[in-house]
N, C-alpha and C. Protein backbone atom coordinates (compact mmCIF):
# COMPACT_ATOMS: atom_id res chain seq x y z
N MET A 1 157.76 46.29 116.53
CA MET A 1 158.01 47.60 117.37
C MET A 1 158.79 48.42 116.38
N ALA A 2 158.32 49.82 116.20
CA ALA A 2 159.07 50.58 115.01
C ALA A 2 160.72 51.02 116.17
N ASN A 3 161.35 51.14 115.27
CA ASN A 3 162.34 51.91 115.70
C ASN A 3 163.04 52.78 115.50
N GLU A 4 163.07 53.83 115.92
CA GLU A 4 163.25 54.87 115.81
C GLU A 4 164.87 56.22 114.92
N ASN A 5 165.71 55.17 115.11
CA ASN A 5 166.51 55.08 114.23
C ASN A 5 166.45 54.59 112.66
N VAL A 6 165.49 53.69 112.22
CA VAL A 6 165.82 53.43 111.73
C VAL A 6 164.36 54.14 110.27
N ILE A 7 165.15 54.66 109.15
CA ILE A 7 164.31 55.41 108.59
C ILE A 7 163.65 54.47 107.51
N MET A 8 162.27 54.91 107.15
CA MET A 8 161.63 54.17 106.24
C MET A 8 161.55 54.81 104.80
N LEU A 9 162.26 54.44 103.62
CA LEU A 9 162.48 55.07 102.68
C LEU A 9 161.68 54.76 101.54
N THR A 10 161.05 55.63 100.58
CA THR A 10 160.17 55.89 100.09
C THR A 10 160.46 56.55 98.53
N GLU A 11 159.83 56.62 97.34
CA GLU A 11 160.64 57.02 95.90
C GLU A 11 160.21 58.33 96.79
N GLU A 12 159.77 59.46 97.73
CA GLU A 12 159.91 60.95 97.58
C GLU A 12 160.80 60.94 98.61
N ASN A 13 161.60 59.80 99.52
CA ASN A 13 162.56 60.96 100.13
C ASN A 13 163.87 60.30 100.78
N PHE A 14 163.83 59.06 99.15
CA PHE A 14 165.48 58.28 98.71
C PHE A 14 166.40 59.24 98.47
N LYS A 15 166.37 60.14 97.56
CA LYS A 15 167.40 61.51 97.08
C LYS A 15 167.67 61.83 98.49
N SER A 16 166.83 63.00 98.96
CA SER A 16 167.45 63.62 100.09
C SER A 16 167.70 62.44 101.00
N VAL A 17 167.65 61.24 102.03
CA VAL A 17 168.06 60.72 102.70
C VAL A 17 169.17 59.90 102.23
N VAL A 18 169.24 59.46 101.22
CA VAL A 18 170.15 58.53 101.06
C VAL A 18 171.08 59.32 100.05
N LEU A 19 171.32 59.34 98.50
CA LEU A 19 172.02 60.72 97.55
C LEU A 19 172.72 61.53 98.69
N GLU A 20 171.64 62.96 98.77
CA GLU A 20 172.45 63.64 99.30
C GLU A 20 172.92 63.61 100.96
N SER A 21 173.11 62.32 101.43
CA SER A 21 173.73 62.40 102.75
C SER A 21 175.14 62.63 103.16
N THR A 22 175.25 63.73 104.35
CA THR A 22 176.94 63.20 104.49
C THR A 22 177.59 62.50 105.19
N VAL A 23 176.65 61.43 105.67
CA VAL A 23 177.08 60.26 106.55
C VAL A 23 177.18 59.28 106.03
N PRO A 24 177.32 57.74 105.34
CA PRO A 24 177.04 56.73 105.64
C PRO A 24 175.92 56.31 105.05
N VAL A 25 175.39 55.60 104.66
CA VAL A 25 173.67 55.12 104.38
C VAL A 25 173.87 53.30 103.59
N LEU A 26 173.80 52.56 105.26
CA LEU A 26 173.24 51.40 105.04
C LEU A 26 171.63 51.33 104.36
N VAL A 27 171.47 50.67 103.28
CA VAL A 27 169.90 50.62 102.45
C VAL A 27 169.74 49.45 103.03
N ASP A 28 168.58 49.03 103.02
CA ASP A 28 168.18 47.31 103.14
C ASP A 28 166.79 47.15 102.59
N PHE A 29 167.57 46.80 101.52
CA PHE A 29 166.24 46.15 100.13
C PHE A 29 165.40 44.86 100.84
N TRP A 30 164.26 45.14 101.13
CA TRP A 30 163.12 44.35 101.85
C TRP A 30 161.89 44.02 101.54
N ALA A 31 161.84 42.90 101.96
CA ALA A 31 159.14 42.57 101.27
C ALA A 31 158.92 41.99 102.69
N ALA A 32 157.88 42.37 102.78
CA ALA A 32 156.84 42.21 104.00
C ALA A 32 156.93 39.73 104.58
N TRP A 33 157.03 40.16 102.58
CA TRP A 33 156.91 37.87 102.72
C TRP A 33 158.26 37.46 102.00
N CYS A 34 159.25 38.20 102.74
CA CYS A 34 160.58 37.33 102.77
C CYS A 34 161.01 36.92 103.66
N GLY A 35 161.49 35.60 103.96
CA GLY A 35 161.88 35.07 105.32
C GLY A 35 163.00 35.37 105.42
N PRO A 36 164.65 35.34 105.08
CA PRO A 36 165.96 36.12 105.39
C PRO A 36 165.56 37.47 105.52
N CYS A 37 165.10 38.61 104.60
CA CYS A 37 164.72 39.63 106.05
C CYS A 37 164.08 39.87 107.06
N LYS A 38 163.08 38.63 107.04
CA LYS A 38 162.52 38.98 108.91
C LYS A 38 163.38 38.74 109.62
N MET A 39 164.95 38.01 109.00
CA MET A 39 165.96 36.50 110.14
C MET A 39 166.86 37.96 109.81
N ILE A 40 166.88 39.18 108.81
CA ILE A 40 168.01 39.46 109.42
C ILE A 40 167.84 41.30 110.26
N ALA A 41 165.98 41.53 109.69
CA ALA A 41 165.59 42.88 110.87
C ALA A 41 166.30 43.36 112.25
N PRO A 42 166.20 42.38 112.80
CA PRO A 42 166.39 42.41 114.35
C PRO A 42 168.04 42.70 114.59
N VAL A 43 168.58 42.50 113.04
CA VAL A 43 170.32 42.41 113.23
C VAL A 43 170.37 44.13 112.10
N VAL A 44 169.34 44.23 111.46
CA VAL A 44 169.49 45.84 110.74
C VAL A 44 168.72 47.19 111.45
N ASP A 45 168.40 46.96 112.88
CA ASP A 45 167.59 47.72 114.05
C ASP A 45 168.56 47.74 115.26
N GLU A 46 169.52 46.58 115.35
CA GLU A 46 170.51 46.41 115.74
C GLU A 46 171.27 47.63 115.89
N LEU A 47 172.17 48.07 114.32
CA LEU A 47 172.81 48.43 113.64
C LEU A 47 172.51 49.83 113.56
N ALA A 48 170.94 49.98 113.29
CA ALA A 48 170.50 51.41 113.80
C ALA A 48 170.79 52.52 114.89
N ASN A 49 171.03 51.58 115.66
CA ASN A 49 171.19 51.50 117.38
C ASN A 49 172.48 51.92 117.73
N ASP A 50 173.17 51.55 116.73
CA ASP A 50 174.65 51.29 117.17
C ASP A 50 175.79 52.37 116.50
N PHE A 51 174.87 52.62 115.28
CA PHE A 51 175.53 53.77 114.78
C PHE A 51 175.11 55.21 114.57
N ALA A 52 173.52 55.18 115.11
CA ALA A 52 172.98 56.78 115.34
C ALA A 52 173.80 57.76 115.83
N GLY A 53 173.98 58.79 114.49
CA GLY A 53 174.37 60.09 114.84
C GLY A 53 176.11 59.80 114.00
N THR A 54 176.41 58.19 113.52
CA THR A 54 177.41 58.79 112.49
C THR A 54 176.86 57.38 110.83
N ALA A 55 175.70 57.49 111.42
CA ALA A 55 175.48 56.53 109.70
C ALA A 55 174.09 56.49 109.51
N LYS A 56 173.27 56.87 109.06
CA LYS A 56 172.07 56.31 108.81
C LYS A 56 171.49 54.31 108.17
N VAL A 57 170.91 54.39 108.46
CA VAL A 57 170.31 53.00 108.58
C VAL A 57 168.77 52.74 107.89
N CYS A 58 168.72 52.68 107.51
CA CYS A 58 167.62 52.42 106.08
C CYS A 58 167.00 51.21 106.20
N LYS A 59 165.30 51.41 105.46
CA LYS A 59 164.83 50.05 105.38
C LYS A 59 164.00 50.06 104.07
N LEU A 60 163.92 49.83 102.94
CA LEU A 60 162.98 49.57 101.49
C LEU A 60 162.56 48.99 101.22
N ASN A 61 161.11 49.29 101.43
CA ASN A 61 160.63 48.34 101.06
C ASN A 61 160.20 47.80 99.25
N VAL A 62 160.56 46.47 98.91
CA VAL A 62 161.16 47.15 97.47
C VAL A 62 159.59 46.54 96.43
N ASP A 63 158.43 45.89 97.27
CA ASP A 63 157.42 46.46 96.48
C ASP A 63 156.57 47.16 96.95
N ASP A 64 157.12 48.40 97.52
CA ASP A 64 156.81 49.61 97.64
C ASP A 64 157.35 50.71 95.99
N CYS A 65 158.49 50.07 96.18
CA CYS A 65 159.32 50.94 95.55
C CYS A 65 160.18 50.60 94.91
N GLY A 66 159.90 49.85 94.03
CA GLY A 66 160.31 49.05 92.70
C GLY A 66 161.39 49.46 91.46
N ARG A 67 160.72 50.65 91.49
CA ARG A 67 161.85 51.50 90.66
C ARG A 67 163.27 52.02 91.02
N ILE A 68 163.23 51.71 92.21
CA ILE A 68 164.89 52.54 93.15
C ILE A 68 165.71 51.25 92.67
N ALA A 69 164.29 49.89 93.67
CA ALA A 69 165.11 48.91 93.33
C ALA A 69 165.91 47.75 92.39
N GLN A 70 165.23 49.02 91.48
CA GLN A 70 165.25 48.32 89.62
C GLN A 70 166.14 48.89 89.09
N THR A 71 166.20 51.00 89.57
CA THR A 71 167.88 51.07 89.86
C THR A 71 168.95 50.99 89.86
N TYR A 72 168.90 49.94 90.72
CA TYR A 72 170.20 49.66 91.25
C TYR A 72 170.22 48.19 91.45
N GLY A 73 169.30 47.67 90.65
CA GLY A 73 169.37 46.32 90.04
C GLY A 73 169.81 45.26 91.39
N VAL A 74 169.02 45.01 92.11
CA VAL A 74 168.18 44.75 93.27
C VAL A 74 167.26 43.10 92.41
N MET A 75 168.30 42.22 92.76
CA MET A 75 167.55 41.18 91.77
C MET A 75 166.67 39.93 93.15
N SER A 76 168.02 39.95 94.82
CA SER A 76 167.11 38.85 95.28
C SER A 76 167.36 39.77 96.58
N ILE A 77 166.57 39.31 97.64
CA ILE A 77 166.23 40.23 99.22
C ILE A 77 166.57 39.51 100.05
N PRO A 78 167.09 39.62 100.97
CA PRO A 78 167.35 41.14 102.02
C PRO A 78 168.75 41.80 100.78
N THR A 79 168.70 42.41 100.30
CA THR A 79 170.44 43.06 99.53
C THR A 79 170.23 44.63 100.47
N LEU A 80 172.01 44.58 100.96
CA LEU A 80 171.80 45.78 101.77
C LEU A 80 173.15 46.97 101.17
N ILE A 81 172.66 47.23 100.47
CA ILE A 81 174.22 48.33 100.58
C ILE A 81 173.76 49.69 100.99
N VAL A 82 175.46 49.96 101.19
CA VAL A 82 176.22 50.76 101.66
C VAL A 82 176.35 51.58 100.77
N PHE A 83 175.84 53.21 101.09
CA PHE A 83 176.18 54.16 100.26
C PHE A 83 176.83 55.34 101.20
N LYS A 84 178.21 55.85 99.96
CA LYS A 84 178.65 56.67 100.31
C LYS A 84 179.05 57.87 99.32
N ASP A 85 178.45 58.94 99.77
CA ASP A 85 178.95 59.89 98.92
C ASP A 85 178.22 60.31 97.84
N GLY A 86 177.00 59.38 98.29
CA GLY A 86 175.63 59.34 96.71
C GLY A 86 175.78 58.16 96.42
N LYS A 87 176.93 57.46 96.51
CA LYS A 87 177.13 56.10 95.53
C LYS A 87 177.64 55.14 96.42
N GLU A 88 177.08 54.49 95.51
CA GLU A 88 176.75 52.64 96.24
C GLU A 88 178.80 52.68 96.40
N ALA A 89 179.17 51.89 97.53
CA ALA A 89 180.18 51.69 97.81
C ALA A 89 180.63 50.34 98.31
N GLU A 90 179.42 49.34 98.83
CA GLU A 90 179.34 48.09 99.79
C GLU A 90 177.90 47.31 98.59
N ARG A 91 177.88 46.22 98.68
CA ARG A 91 176.93 45.09 98.88
C ARG A 91 177.01 44.02 99.44
N ILE A 92 175.48 43.48 99.95
CA ILE A 92 175.64 42.45 100.47
C ILE A 92 174.43 41.91 100.20
N VAL A 93 174.30 40.57 99.98
CA VAL A 93 173.26 39.82 99.18
C VAL A 93 172.67 39.15 100.07
N GLY A 94 171.99 38.31 100.59
CA GLY A 94 171.43 37.25 101.77
C GLY A 94 171.71 38.57 103.11
N PHE A 95 171.22 36.55 104.12
CA PHE A 95 171.75 37.01 105.25
C PHE A 95 173.07 37.36 105.55
N ARG A 96 173.67 37.63 106.73
CA ARG A 96 174.83 38.26 107.05
C ARG A 96 175.07 38.11 108.65
N PRO A 97 175.97 37.39 109.08
CA PRO A 97 176.04 37.23 110.38
C PRO A 97 176.65 39.74 110.83
N LYS A 98 175.97 40.55 111.41
CA LYS A 98 175.96 41.12 112.48
C LYS A 98 177.77 41.64 112.30
N SER A 99 178.61 41.09 112.78
CA SER A 99 180.56 41.50 112.65
C SER A 99 180.02 41.65 110.45
N GLU A 100 179.71 41.65 109.93
CA GLU A 100 180.12 41.53 109.12
C GLU A 100 179.55 42.85 108.27
N LEU A 101 178.20 42.77 108.80
CA LEU A 101 176.88 44.45 108.61
C LEU A 101 177.94 45.73 109.30
N VAL A 102 178.54 45.41 110.23
CA VAL A 102 179.00 46.46 111.06
C VAL A 102 180.75 46.78 110.03
N LYS A 103 181.30 45.46 109.74
CA LYS A 103 182.69 46.09 109.03
C LYS A 103 181.41 47.11 108.02
N LEU A 104 181.22 46.57 106.83
CA LEU A 104 181.09 47.48 105.74
C LEU A 104 180.74 48.25 106.33
N LEU A 105 179.82 48.55 107.41
CA LEU A 105 179.65 50.89 107.35
C LEU A 105 180.67 51.06 108.21
N GLN A 106 182.07 50.24 108.85
CA GLN A 106 182.98 50.91 109.50
C GLN A 106 184.48 51.14 108.30
N ALA A 107 183.98 50.15 107.28
CA ALA A 107 185.24 50.97 105.83
C ALA A 107 184.68 51.23 106.00
């Protein structure tokens, strides 16, 4: 079930949604075939609800947007990157508990 607070990124909207954002943006780099990505998906959904209005939570499918994943050196997934003022501020690779991700967005 889709979460209206999670923004699906594409090659077309990445710049306007992430790089030009005035609030922090968490980008979940994922793929449909990735087991750990499926494990972290509900946590990402919860974060999107928790931070609605104060941060953006986005998902980027690396199979659909390989060029963007390459640009940011995403080698393994899930990779979660927090962007602030259009620049990478934090990065986590692999599954992490929600508490750790909350700290990232609050930092």
